PDB file of all heavy atoms in Angstrom:
ATOM      1  N   VAL A   1      38.925 179.749 -21.353  1.00  0.00           N
ATOM      2  CA  VAL A   1      37.972 180.827 -21.094  1.00  0.00           C
ATOM      3  C   VAL A   1      37.358 180.593 -19.716  1.00  0.00           C
ATOM      4  O   VAL A   1      37.005 179.467 -19.380  1.00  0.00           O
ATOM      5  CB  VAL A   1      36.853 180.818 -22.165  1.00  0.00           C
ATOM      6  CG1 VAL A   1      35.772 181.827 -21.835  1.00  0.00           C
ATOM      7  CG2 VAL A   1      37.430 181.074 -23.542  1.00  0.00           C
ATOM      8  N   ALA A   2      37.237 181.644 -18.924  1.00  0.00           N
ATOM      9  CA  ALA A   2      36.558 181.543 -17.631  1.00  0.00           C
ATOM     10  C   ALA A   2      35.117 182.015 -17.820  1.00  0.00           C
ATOM     11  O   ALA A   2      34.883 183.083 -18.388  1.00  0.00           O
ATOM     12  CB  ALA A   2      37.260 182.402 -16.592  1.00  0.00           C
ATOM     13  N   ILE A   3      34.166 181.208 -17.372  1.00  0.00           N
ATOM     14  CA  ILE A   3      32.752 181.571 -17.494  1.00  0.00           C
ATOM     15  C   ILE A   3      32.113 181.513 -16.114  1.00  0.00           C
ATOM     16  O   ILE A   3      32.210 180.508 -15.417  1.00  0.00           O
ATOM     17  CB  ILE A   3      32.006 180.623 -18.445  1.00  0.00           C
ATOM     18  CG1 ILE A   3      32.627 180.682 -19.838  1.00  0.00           C
ATOM     19  CG2 ILE A   3      30.524 180.997 -18.508  1.00  0.00           C
ATOM     20  CD1 ILE A   3      32.015 179.724 -20.823  1.00  0.00           C
ATOM     21  N   HIS A   4      31.481 182.619 -15.748  1.00  0.00           N
ATOM     22  CA  HIS A   4      30.721 182.661 -14.498  1.00  0.00           C
ATOM     23  C   HIS A   4      29.246 182.722 -14.871  1.00  0.00           C
ATOM     24  O   HIS A   4      28.836 183.545 -15.698  1.00  0.00           O
ATOM     25  CB  HIS A   4      31.103 183.894 -13.671  1.00  0.00           C
ATOM     26  CG  HIS A   4      30.269 184.043 -12.447  1.00  0.00           C
ATOM     27  ND1 HIS A   4      30.490 183.294 -11.312  1.00  0.00           N
ATOM     28  CD2 HIS A   4      29.200 184.829 -12.176  1.00  0.00           C
ATOM     29  CE1 HIS A   4      29.590 183.625 -10.397  1.00  0.00           C
ATOM     30  NE2 HIS A   4      28.806 184.558 -10.899  1.00  0.00           N
ATOM     31  N   HIS A   5      28.462 181.823 -14.288  1.00  0.00           N
ATOM     32  CA  HIS A   5      27.015 181.798 -14.543  1.00  0.00           C
ATOM     33  C   HIS A   5      26.292 182.442 -13.363  1.00  0.00           C
ATOM     34  O   HIS A   5      26.418 181.985 -12.235  1.00  0.00           O
ATOM     35  CB  HIS A   5      26.519 180.361 -14.741  1.00  0.00           C
ATOM     36  CG  HIS A   5      27.123 179.707 -15.939  1.00  0.00           C
ATOM     37  ND1 HIS A   5      26.681 179.934 -17.220  1.00  0.00           N
ATOM     38  CD2 HIS A   5      28.148 178.838 -16.062  1.00  0.00           C
ATOM     39  CE1 HIS A   5      27.398 179.235 -18.070  1.00  0.00           C
ATOM     40  NE2 HIS A   5      28.310 178.552 -17.388  1.00  0.00           N
ATOM     41  N   PHE A   6      25.562 183.495 -13.634  1.00  0.00           N
ATOM     42  CA  PHE A   6      24.778 184.180 -12.615  1.00  0.00           C
ATOM     43  C   PHE A   6      23.464 183.445 -12.388  1.00  0.00           C
ATOM     44  O   PHE A   6      23.002 182.710 -13.265  1.00  0.00           O
ATOM     45  CB  PHE A   6      24.505 185.627 -13.043  1.00  0.00           C
ATOM     46  CG  PHE A   6      25.744 186.485 -13.086  1.00  0.00           C
ATOM     47  CD1 PHE A   6      26.422 186.685 -14.283  1.00  0.00           C
ATOM     48  CD2 PHE A   6      26.240 187.071 -11.931  1.00  0.00           C
ATOM     49  CE1 PHE A   6      27.563 187.461 -14.327  1.00  0.00           C
ATOM     50  CE2 PHE A   6      27.385 187.848 -11.967  1.00  0.00           C
ATOM     51  CZ  PHE A   6      28.045 188.044 -13.173  1.00  0.00           C
ATOM     52  N   PRO A   7      22.836 183.637 -11.217  1.00  0.00           N
ATOM     53  CA  PRO A   7      21.578 182.942 -10.916  1.00  0.00           C
ATOM     54  C   PRO A   7      20.455 183.206 -11.917  1.00  0.00           C
ATOM     55  O   PRO A   7      19.599 182.356 -12.135  1.00  0.00           O
ATOM     56  CB  PRO A   7      21.193 183.480  -9.532  1.00  0.00           C
ATOM     57  CG  PRO A   7      22.471 183.929  -8.925  1.00  0.00           C
ATOM     58  CD  PRO A   7      23.320 184.413 -10.071  1.00  0.00           C
ATOM     59  N   ASP A   8      20.483 184.372 -12.579  1.00  0.00           N
ATOM     60  CA  ASP A   8      19.421 184.685 -13.536  1.00  0.00           C
ATOM     61  C   ASP A   8      19.676 184.089 -14.930  1.00  0.00           C
ATOM     62  O   ASP A   8      18.921 184.330 -15.856  1.00  0.00           O
ATOM     63  CB  ASP A   8      19.220 186.197 -13.642  1.00  0.00           C
ATOM     64  CG  ASP A   8      20.411 186.921 -14.247  1.00  0.00           C
ATOM     65  OD1 ASP A   8      21.457 186.278 -14.504  1.00  0.00           O
ATOM     66  OD2 ASP A   8      20.302 188.147 -14.472  1.00  0.00           O
ATOM     67  N   GLY A   9      20.776 183.308 -15.056  1.00  0.00           N
ATOM     68  CA  GLY A   9      21.061 182.642 -16.320  1.00  0.00           C
ATOM     69  C   GLY A   9      22.056 183.368 -17.208  1.00  0.00           C
ATOM     70  O   GLY A   9      22.468 182.850 -18.234  1.00  0.00           O
ATOM     71  N   GLU A  10      22.431 184.585 -16.809  1.00  0.00           N
ATOM     72  CA  GLU A  10      23.427 185.322 -17.582  1.00  0.00           C
ATOM     73  C   GLU A  10      24.798 184.684 -17.422  1.00  0.00           C
ATOM     74  O   GLU A  10      25.079 184.060 -16.407  1.00  0.00           O
ATOM     75  CB  GLU A  10      23.523 186.769 -17.067  1.00  0.00           C
ATOM     76  CG  GLU A  10      22.818 187.775 -17.916  1.00  0.00           C
ATOM     77  CD  GLU A  10      23.129 189.185 -17.465  1.00  0.00           C
ATOM     78  OE1 GLU A  10      22.529 189.608 -16.458  1.00  0.00           O
ATOM     79  OE2 GLU A  10      23.966 189.832 -18.101  1.00  0.00           O
ATOM     80  N   SER A  11      25.652 184.885 -18.419  1.00  0.00           N
ATOM     81  CA  SER A  11      27.022 184.380 -18.372  1.00  0.00           C
ATOM     82  C   SER A  11      28.004 185.533 -18.492  1.00  0.00           C
ATOM     83  O   SER A  11      27.809 186.432 -19.316  1.00  0.00           O
ATOM     84  CB  SER A  11      27.291 183.414 -19.529  1.00  0.00           C
ATOM     85  OG  SER A  11      26.461 182.293 -19.454  1.00  0.00           O
ATOM     86  N   LYS A  12      29.045 185.502 -17.672  1.00  0.00           N
ATOM     87  CA  LYS A  12      30.151 186.459 -17.793  1.00  0.00           C
ATOM     88  C   LYS A  12      31.334 185.670 -18.335  1.00  0.00           C
ATOM     89  O   LYS A  12      31.810 184.725 -17.702  1.00  0.00           O
ATOM     90  CB  LYS A  12      30.507 187.075 -16.447  1.00  0.00           C
ATOM     91  CG  LYS A  12      31.678 188.031 -16.536  1.00  0.00           C
ATOM     92  CD  LYS A  12      32.062 188.578 -15.181  1.00  0.00           C
ATOM     93  CE  LYS A  12      33.284 189.469 -15.320  1.00  0.00           C
ATOM     94  NZ  LYS A  12      33.767 189.899 -14.011  1.00  0.00           N
ATOM     95  N   VAL A  13      31.807 186.051 -19.514  1.00  0.00           N
ATOM     96  CA  VAL A  13      32.905 185.364 -20.182  1.00  0.00           C
ATOM     97  C   VAL A  13      34.163 186.206 -20.030  1.00  0.00           C
ATOM     98  O   VAL A  13      34.161 187.397 -20.345  1.00  0.00           O
ATOM     99  CB  VAL A  13      32.571 185.161 -21.684  1.00  0.00           C
ATOM    100  CG1 VAL A  13      33.733 184.543 -22.411  1.00  0.00           C
ATOM    101  CG2 VAL A  13      31.314 184.318 -21.822  1.00  0.00           C
ATOM    102  N   THR A  14      35.233 185.597 -19.521  1.00  0.00           N
ATOM    103  CA  THR A  14      36.478 186.319 -19.289  1.00  0.00           C
ATOM    104  C   THR A  14      37.634 185.589 -19.969  1.00  0.00           C
ATOM    105  O   THR A  14      37.809 184.391 -19.783  1.00  0.00           O
ATOM    106  CB  THR A  14      36.776 186.440 -17.779  1.00  0.00           C
ATOM    107  OG1 THR A  14      35.634 187.016 -17.133  1.00  0.00           O
ATOM    108  CG2 THR A  14      37.983 187.304 -17.521  1.00  0.00           C
ATOM    109  N   LEU A  15      38.400 186.343 -20.732  1.00  0.00           N
ATOM    110  CA  LEU A  15      39.608 185.832 -21.384  1.00  0.00           C
ATOM    111  C   LEU A  15      40.833 186.436 -20.706  1.00  0.00           C
ATOM    112  O   LEU A  15      40.742 187.502 -20.088  1.00  0.00           O
ATOM    113  CB  LEU A  15      39.613 186.214 -22.866  1.00  0.00           C
ATOM    114  CG  LEU A  15      38.547 185.553 -23.721  1.00  0.00           C
ATOM    115  CD1 LEU A  15      38.445 186.258 -25.068  1.00  0.00           C
ATOM    116  CD2 LEU A  15      38.877 184.097 -23.928  1.00  0.00           C
ATOM    117  N   PRO A  16      41.981 185.802 -20.829  1.00  0.00           N
ATOM    118  CA  PRO A  16      43.201 186.388 -20.273  1.00  0.00           C
ATOM    119  C   PRO A  16      43.471 187.767 -20.886  1.00  0.00           C
ATOM    120  O   PRO A  16      43.051 188.041 -22.023  1.00  0.00           O
ATOM    121  CB  PRO A  16      44.302 185.405 -20.682  1.00  0.00           C
ATOM    122  CG  PRO A  16      43.598 184.141 -21.001  1.00  0.00           C
ATOM    123  CD  PRO A  16      42.225 184.523 -21.474  1.00  0.00           C
ATOM    124  N   ASN A  17      44.170 188.618 -20.152  1.00  0.00           N
ATOM    125  CA  ASN A  17      44.461 189.975 -20.638  1.00  0.00           C
ATOM    126  C   ASN A  17      45.342 189.982 -21.876  1.00  0.00           C
ATOM    127  O   ASN A  17      45.222 190.859 -22.715  1.00  0.00           O
ATOM    128  CB  ASN A  17      45.116 190.813 -19.535  1.00  0.00           C
ATOM    129  CG  ASN A  17      44.142 191.136 -18.428  1.00  0.00           C
ATOM    130  OD1 ASN A  17      42.949 191.248 -18.655  1.00  0.00           O
ATOM    131  ND2 ASN A  17      44.657 191.276 -17.221  1.00  0.00           N
ATOM    132  N   THR A  18      46.255 189.037 -21.957  1.00  0.00           N
ATOM    133  CA  THR A  18      47.156 189.012 -23.103  1.00  0.00           C
ATOM    134  C   THR A  18      46.927 187.753 -23.922  1.00  0.00           C
ATOM    135  O   THR A  18      47.027 186.641 -23.421  1.00  0.00           O
ATOM    136  CB  THR A  18      48.635 189.061 -22.652  1.00  0.00           C
ATOM    137  OG1 THR A  18      48.880 187.983 -21.747  1.00  0.00           O
ATOM    138  CG2 THR A  18      48.953 190.369 -21.948  1.00  0.00           C
ATOM    139  N   LEU A  19      46.582 187.972 -25.165  1.00  0.00           N
ATOM    140  CA  LEU A  19      46.405 186.879 -26.121  1.00  0.00           C
ATOM    141  C   LEU A  19      47.232 187.201 -27.356  1.00  0.00           C
ATOM    142  O   LEU A  19      47.486 188.360 -27.661  1.00  0.00           O
ATOM    143  CB  LEU A  19      44.935 186.735 -26.523  1.00  0.00           C
ATOM    144  CG  LEU A  19      43.967 186.190 -25.487  1.00  0.00           C
ATOM    145  CD1 LEU A  19      42.535 186.303 -25.999  1.00  0.00           C
ATOM    146  CD2 LEU A  19      44.292 184.748 -25.166  1.00  0.00           C
ATOM    147  N   ASP A  20      47.618 186.167 -28.068  1.00  0.00           N
ATOM    148  CA  ASP A  20      48.312 186.372 -29.331  1.00  0.00           C
ATOM    149  C   ASP A  20      47.374 187.067 -30.309  1.00  0.00           C
ATOM    150  O   ASP A  20      46.153 187.068 -30.137  1.00  0.00           O
ATOM    151  CB  ASP A  20      48.765 185.034 -29.914  1.00  0.00           C
ATOM    152  CG  ASP A  20      49.892 184.396 -29.114  1.00  0.00           C
ATOM    153  OD1 ASP A  20      50.467 185.066 -28.218  1.00  0.00           O
ATOM    154  OD2 ASP A  20      50.194 183.222 -29.367  1.00  0.00           O
ATOM    155  N   ALA A  21      47.945 187.611 -31.371  1.00  0.00           N
ATOM    156  CA  ALA A  21      47.140 188.295 -32.391  1.00  0.00           C
ATOM    157  C   ALA A  21      46.203 187.326 -33.093  1.00  0.00           C
ATOM    158  O   ALA A  21      45.119 187.706 -33.533  1.00  0.00           O
ATOM    159  CB  ALA A  21      48.054 188.975 -33.403  1.00  0.00           C
ATOM    160  N   GLU A  22      46.611 186.058 -33.195  1.00  0.00           N
ATOM    161  CA  GLU A  22      45.776 185.048 -33.824  1.00  0.00           C
ATOM    162  C   GLU A  22      45.518 183.933 -32.823  1.00  0.00           C
ATOM    163  O   GLU A  22      46.446 183.438 -32.191  1.00  0.00           O
ATOM    164  CB  GLU A  22      46.457 184.472 -35.066  1.00  0.00           C
ATOM    165  CG  GLU A  22      46.630 185.489 -36.167  1.00  0.00           C
ATOM    166  CD  GLU A  22      47.276 184.884 -37.401  1.00  0.00           C
ATOM    167  OE1 GLU A  22      47.616 183.683 -37.391  1.00  0.00           O
ATOM    168  OE2 GLU A  22      47.439 185.629 -38.369  1.00  0.00           O
ATOM    169  N   ILE A  23      44.247 183.567 -32.680  1.00  0.00           N
ATOM    170  CA  ILE A  23      43.867 182.487 -31.764  1.00  0.00           C
ATOM    171  C   ILE A  23      42.880 181.565 -32.473  1.00  0.00           C
ATOM    172  O   ILE A  23      42.252 181.946 -33.467  1.00  0.00           O
ATOM    173  CB  ILE A  23      43.242 183.011 -30.451  1.00  0.00           C
ATOM    174  CG1 ILE A  23      41.989 183.833 -30.721  1.00  0.00           C
ATOM    175  CG2 ILE A  23      44.252 183.814 -29.647  1.00  0.00           C
ATOM    176  CD1 ILE A  23      41.231 184.238 -29.479  1.00  0.00           C
ATOM    177  N   ILE A  24      42.773 180.356 -31.954  1.00  0.00           N
ATOM    178  CA  ILE A  24      41.794 179.389 -32.441  1.00  0.00           C
ATOM    179  C   ILE A  24      40.871 179.054 -31.275  1.00  0.00           C
ATOM    180  O   ILE A  24      41.349 178.720 -30.194  1.00  0.00           O
ATOM    181  CB  ILE A  24      42.485 178.092 -32.914  1.00  0.00           C
ATOM    182  CG1 ILE A  24      43.419 178.376 -34.083  1.00  0.00           C
ATOM    183  CG2 ILE A  24      41.443 177.038 -33.282  1.00  0.00           C
ATOM    184  CD1 ILE A  24      44.282 177.184 -34.450  1.00  0.00           C
ATOM    185  N   PHE A  25      39.561 179.166 -31.479  1.00  0.00           N
ATOM    186  CA  PHE A  25      38.604 178.746 -30.464  1.00  0.00           C
ATOM    187  C   PHE A  25      38.253 177.285 -30.700  1.00  0.00           C
ATOM    188  O   PHE A  25      38.101 176.849 -31.838  1.00  0.00           O
ATOM    189  CB  PHE A  25      37.323 179.585 -30.511  1.00  0.00           C
ATOM    190  CG  PHE A  25      37.462 180.930 -29.873  1.00  0.00           C
ATOM    191  CD1 PHE A  25      37.610 182.064 -30.648  1.00  0.00           C
ATOM    192  CD2 PHE A  25      37.449 181.061 -28.499  1.00  0.00           C
ATOM    193  CE1 PHE A  25      37.742 183.310 -30.069  1.00  0.00           C
ATOM    194  CE2 PHE A  25      37.581 182.311 -27.909  1.00  0.00           C
ATOM    195  CZ  PHE A  25      37.730 183.436 -28.690  1.00  0.00           C
ATOM    196  N   CYS A  26      38.120 176.541 -29.603  1.00  0.00           N
ATOM    197  CA  CYS A  26      37.778 175.126 -29.684  1.00  0.00           C
ATOM    198  C   CYS A  26      36.667 174.852 -28.674  1.00  0.00           C
ATOM    199  O   CYS A  26      36.845 175.029 -27.467  1.00  0.00           O
ATOM    200  CB  CYS A  26      39.008 174.283 -29.363  1.00  0.00           C
ATOM    201  SG  CYS A  26      38.713 172.513 -29.400  1.00  0.00           S
ATOM    202  N   ARG A  27      35.494 174.437 -29.198  1.00  0.00           N
ATOM    203  CA  ARG A  27      34.372 174.148 -28.314  1.00  0.00           C
ATOM    204  C   ARG A  27      33.369 173.229 -29.003  1.00  0.00           C
ATOM    205  O   ARG A  27      33.085 173.394 -30.190  1.00  0.00           O
ATOM    206  CB  ARG A  27      33.651 175.437 -27.928  1.00  0.00           C
ATOM    207  CG  ARG A  27      32.565 175.151 -26.893  1.00  0.00           C
ATOM    208  CD  ARG A  27      32.011 176.380 -26.306  1.00  0.00           C
ATOM    209  NE  ARG A  27      31.469 176.047 -24.990  1.00  0.00           N
ATOM    210  CZ  ARG A  27      30.728 176.842 -24.274  1.00  0.00           C
ATOM    211  NH1 ARG A  27      30.447 178.031 -24.714  1.00  0.00           N
ATOM    212  NH2 ARG A  27      30.280 176.470 -23.105  1.00  0.00           N
ATOM    213  N   SER A  28      32.857 172.292 -28.261  1.00  0.00           N
ATOM    214  CA  SER A  28      31.786 171.454 -28.770  1.00  0.00           C
ATOM    215  C   SER A  28      30.513 172.291 -28.831  1.00  0.00           C
ATOM    216  O   SER A  28      30.278 173.133 -27.965  1.00  0.00           O
ATOM    217  CB  SER A  28      31.573 170.267 -27.832  1.00  0.00           C
ATOM    218  OG  SER A  28      30.363 169.631 -28.115  1.00  0.00           O
ATOM    219  N   LEU A  29      29.697 172.052 -29.820  1.00  0.00           N
ATOM    220  CA  LEU A  29      28.454 172.819 -29.919  1.00  0.00           C
ATOM    221  C   LEU A  29      27.214 171.937 -29.790  1.00  0.00           C
ATOM    222  O   LEU A  29      26.174 172.207 -30.378  1.00  0.00           O
ATOM    223  CB  LEU A  29      28.422 173.627 -31.222  1.00  0.00           C
ATOM    224  CG  LEU A  29      29.396 174.792 -31.264  1.00  0.00           C
ATOM    225  CD1 LEU A  29      29.321 175.506 -32.598  1.00  0.00           C
ATOM    226  CD2 LEU A  29      29.157 175.765 -30.131  1.00  0.00           C
ATOM    227  N   ASP A  30      27.333 170.859 -28.971  1.00  0.00           N
ATOM    228  CA  ASP A  30      26.111 170.153 -28.621  1.00  0.00           C
ATOM    229  C   ASP A  30      25.334 171.086 -27.689  1.00  0.00           C
ATOM    230  O   ASP A  30      25.934 171.882 -26.975  1.00  0.00           O
ATOM    231  CB  ASP A  30      26.428 168.809 -27.936  1.00  0.00           C
ATOM    232  CG  ASP A  30      27.203 168.961 -26.650  1.00  0.00           C
ATOM    233  OD1 ASP A  30      28.197 169.723 -26.638  1.00  0.00           O
ATOM    234  OD2 ASP A  30      26.824 168.334 -25.650  1.00  0.00           O
ATOM    235  N   HIS A  31      24.039 171.070 -27.718  1.00  0.00           N
ATOM    236  CA  HIS A  31      23.214 172.053 -26.982  1.00  0.00           C
ATOM    237  C   HIS A  31      23.689 173.467 -27.341  1.00  0.00           C
ATOM    238  O   HIS A  31      24.125 174.224 -26.471  1.00  0.00           O
ATOM    239  CB  HIS A  31      23.280 171.832 -25.472  1.00  0.00           C
ATOM    240  CG  HIS A  31      22.964 170.431 -25.056  1.00  0.00           C
ATOM    241  ND1 HIS A  31      21.700 169.903 -25.127  1.00  0.00           N
ATOM    242  CD2 HIS A  31      23.765 169.436 -24.606  1.00  0.00           C
ATOM    243  CE1 HIS A  31      21.729 168.650 -24.717  1.00  0.00           C
ATOM    244  NE2 HIS A  31      22.971 168.331 -24.404  1.00  0.00           N
ATOM    245  N   PRO A  32      23.610 173.842 -28.609  1.00  0.00           N
ATOM    246  CA  PRO A  32      24.266 175.054 -29.089  1.00  0.00           C
ATOM    247  C   PRO A  32      23.687 176.380 -28.612  1.00  0.00           C
ATOM    248  O   PRO A  32      24.411 177.368 -28.609  1.00  0.00           O
ATOM    249  CB  PRO A  32      24.125 174.945 -30.610  1.00  0.00           C
ATOM    250  CG  PRO A  32      22.906 174.124 -30.812  1.00  0.00           C
ATOM    251  CD  PRO A  32      22.912 173.137 -29.676  1.00  0.00           C
ATOM    252  N   ASN A  33      22.442 176.447 -28.201  1.00  0.00           N
ATOM    253  CA  ASN A  33      21.862 177.747 -27.860  1.00  0.00           C
ATOM    254  C   ASN A  33      22.679 178.497 -26.819  1.00  0.00           C
ATOM    255  O   ASN A  33      23.041 179.650 -27.019  1.00  0.00           O
ATOM    256  CB  ASN A  33      20.415 177.598 -27.392  1.00  0.00           C
ATOM    257  CG  ASN A  33      19.484 177.250 -28.529  1.00  0.00           C
ATOM    258  OD1 ASN A  33      19.867 177.315 -29.691  1.00  0.00           O
ATOM    259  ND2 ASN A  33      18.279 176.857 -28.204  1.00  0.00           N
TER     260      ASN A  33
END
């Protein structure tokens, strides 16, 4: 996943244009907010 952080704290999350019908997300959730 590509994430761009703007100066005001907003995040823009970008995924590739083509993904399989089924995907698995993998991410640590320390500092989860």
